Amino acid sequence: MHMPVSNVTIVKLSENKLIGRKEYILRVDYEGGTPSRSELREIIASKLGVNGGRLMIVRVDPSFGSRFSRVIARVYDSEEMLKRFEPKYLLIREGIIPKPEKKQAS
């Protein structure tokens, strides 16, 4: 797997002790195209020194014509807290819970 990311910088860090999470705004510099969410998850988890199962990438905002993206990520104290507080669509998108099957009209 090709990892085009050259640098990850923490722009802002806030701690939400009530929910048990840290909220990050990151600047991710890269070569070539915007990295996939799975690549970003792996790189950000290693940069922050956390387990990828406790990391939620909420948003990736690539800058048009530039080689960086603004990434909003949250790191929870436990996977249970992540599943409790994150919206269902984010859990499905990140592959934490399976996508429900659509019921066919009869």
Protein backbone atom coordinates (compact mmCIF):
# COMPACT_ATOMS: atom_id res chain seq x y z
CA MET A 1 0.00 0.00 0.00
CA HIS A 2 1.40 3.40 -1.02
CA MET A 3 1.33 5.95 1.79
CA PRO A 4 1.58 9.40 0.17
CA VAL A 5 1.35 11.31 3.49
CA SER A 6 4.45 13.35 4.31
CA ASN A 7 3.39 15.20 7.47
CA VAL A 8 0.59 15.29 10.07
CA THR A 9 0.29 18.44 12.20
CA ILE A 10 -2.08 18.98 15.13
CA VAL A 11 -3.80 22.33 14.55
CA LYS A 12 -6.17 22.18 17.51
CA LEU A 13 -6.76 19.76 20.37
CA SER A 14 -9.65 19.90 22.81
CA GLU A 15 -10.59 17.40 25.47
CA ASN A 16 -14.19 16.48 26.23
CA LYS A 17 -13.94 14.74 29.61
CA LEU A 18 -17.70 14.26 29.96
CA ILE A 19 -17.85 12.03 26.88
CA GLY A 20 -14.33 10.66 27.31
CA ARG A 21 -12.78 11.80 24.05
CA LYS A 22 -10.19 14.10 22.55
CA GLU A 23 -11.19 16.14 19.49
CA TYR A 24 -8.48 16.95 16.96
CA ILE A 25 -8.23 19.22 13.96
CA LEU A 26 -5.26 18.06 11.90
CA ARG A 27 -3.45 19.26 8.80
CA VAL A 28 -2.32 16.33 6.66
CA ASP A 29 0.25 17.06 3.93
CA TYR A 30 0.62 14.51 1.13
CA GLU A 31 2.09 13.86 -2.29
CA GLY A 32 -0.24 12.98 -5.16
CA GLY A 33 -3.94 12.43 -4.54
CA THR A 34 -5.85 12.66 -1.29
CA PRO A 35 -5.22 9.53 0.84
CA SER A 36 -8.10 7.16 1.53
CA ARG A 37 -9.86 7.12 4.90
CA SER A 38 -8.24 3.78 5.78
CA GLU A 39 -4.76 5.19 5.04
CA LEU A 40 -5.56 8.31 7.06
CA ARG A 41 -6.84 6.22 9.98
CA GLU A 42 -3.63 4.16 10.04
CA ILE A 43 -1.32 7.19 9.77
CA ILE A 44 -3.19 9.35 12.29
CA ALA A 45 -3.46 6.49 14.80
CA SER A 46 0.30 5.94 14.65
CA LYS A 47 1.01 9.69 14.88
CA LEU A 48 -1.23 10.07 17.95
CA GLY A 49 -0.12 6.76 19.46
CA VAL A 50 -3.64 5.32 19.81
CA ASN A 51 -5.45 2.15 18.82
CA GLY A 52 -7.25 2.60 15.46
CA GLY A 53 -10.41 1.10 17.01
CA ARG A 54 -10.78 4.17 19.24
CA LEU A 55 -10.20 6.68 16.41
CA MET A 56 -13.05 8.18 14.39
CA ILE A 57 -12.34 10.26 11.30
CA VAL A 58 -15.30 12.61 11.12
CA ARG A 59 -14.41 14.75 8.12
CA VAL A 60 -11.71 15.11 5.47
CA ASP A 61 -11.60 18.50 3.73
CA PRO A 62 -9.11 18.49 0.85
CA SER A 63 -7.90 21.90 -0.27
CA PHE A 64 -8.43 22.33 -4.02
CA GLY A 65 -5.14 22.88 -5.82
CA SER A 66 -3.07 22.23 -2.69
CA ARG A 67 -1.46 19.12 -1.32
CA PHE A 68 -2.99 19.13 2.13
CA SER A 69 -6.29 18.32 3.82
CA ARG A 70 -7.91 19.42 7.03
CA VAL A 71 -9.03 16.36 8.99
CA ILE A 72 -11.40 16.34 11.96
CA ALA A 73 -10.82 13.28 14.15
CA ARG A 74 -11.94 12.08 17.57
CA VAL A 75 -10.14 9.68 19.89
CA TYR A 76 -12.22 7.97 22.57
CA ASP A 77 -11.12 6.45 25.88
CA SER A 78 -12.75 3.15 24.85
CA GLU A 79 -14.41 1.54 21.84
CA GLU A 80 -17.67 1.26 23.80
CA MET A 81 -17.79 5.05 24.24
CA LEU A 82 -17.12 5.50 20.52
CA LYS A 83 -20.04 3.25 19.60
CA ARG A 84 -22.28 4.99 22.11
CA PHE A 85 -21.68 8.60 21.03
CA GLU A 86 -20.85 8.55 17.31
CA PRO A 87 -23.69 8.74 14.75
CA LYS A 88 -24.69 5.46 13.13
CA TYR A 89 -23.77 6.61 9.61
CA LEU A 90 -20.17 7.27 10.72
CA LEU A 91 -19.92 3.84 12.37
CA ILE A 92 -21.13 2.23 9.13
CA ARG A 93 -18.81 4.35 6.94
CA GLU A 94 -15.77 3.44 9.05
CA GLY A 95 -16.72 -0.27 9.02
CA ILE A 96 -17.25 -0.51 12.78
CA ILE A 97 -20.78 -1.86 12.43
CA PRO A 98 -22.20 -3.68 9.37
CA LYS A 99 -24.45 -1.87 6.93
CA PRO A 100 -28.08 -2.93 7.45
CA GLU A 101 -29.73 -4.67 4.51
CA LYS A 102 -32.56 -2.85 2.82
CA LYS A 103 -35.95 -4.49 3.02
CA GLN A 104 -37.46 -5.16 -0.38
CA ALA A 105 -41.00 -4.03 -1.03
CA SER A 106 -43.34 -6.94 -1.62
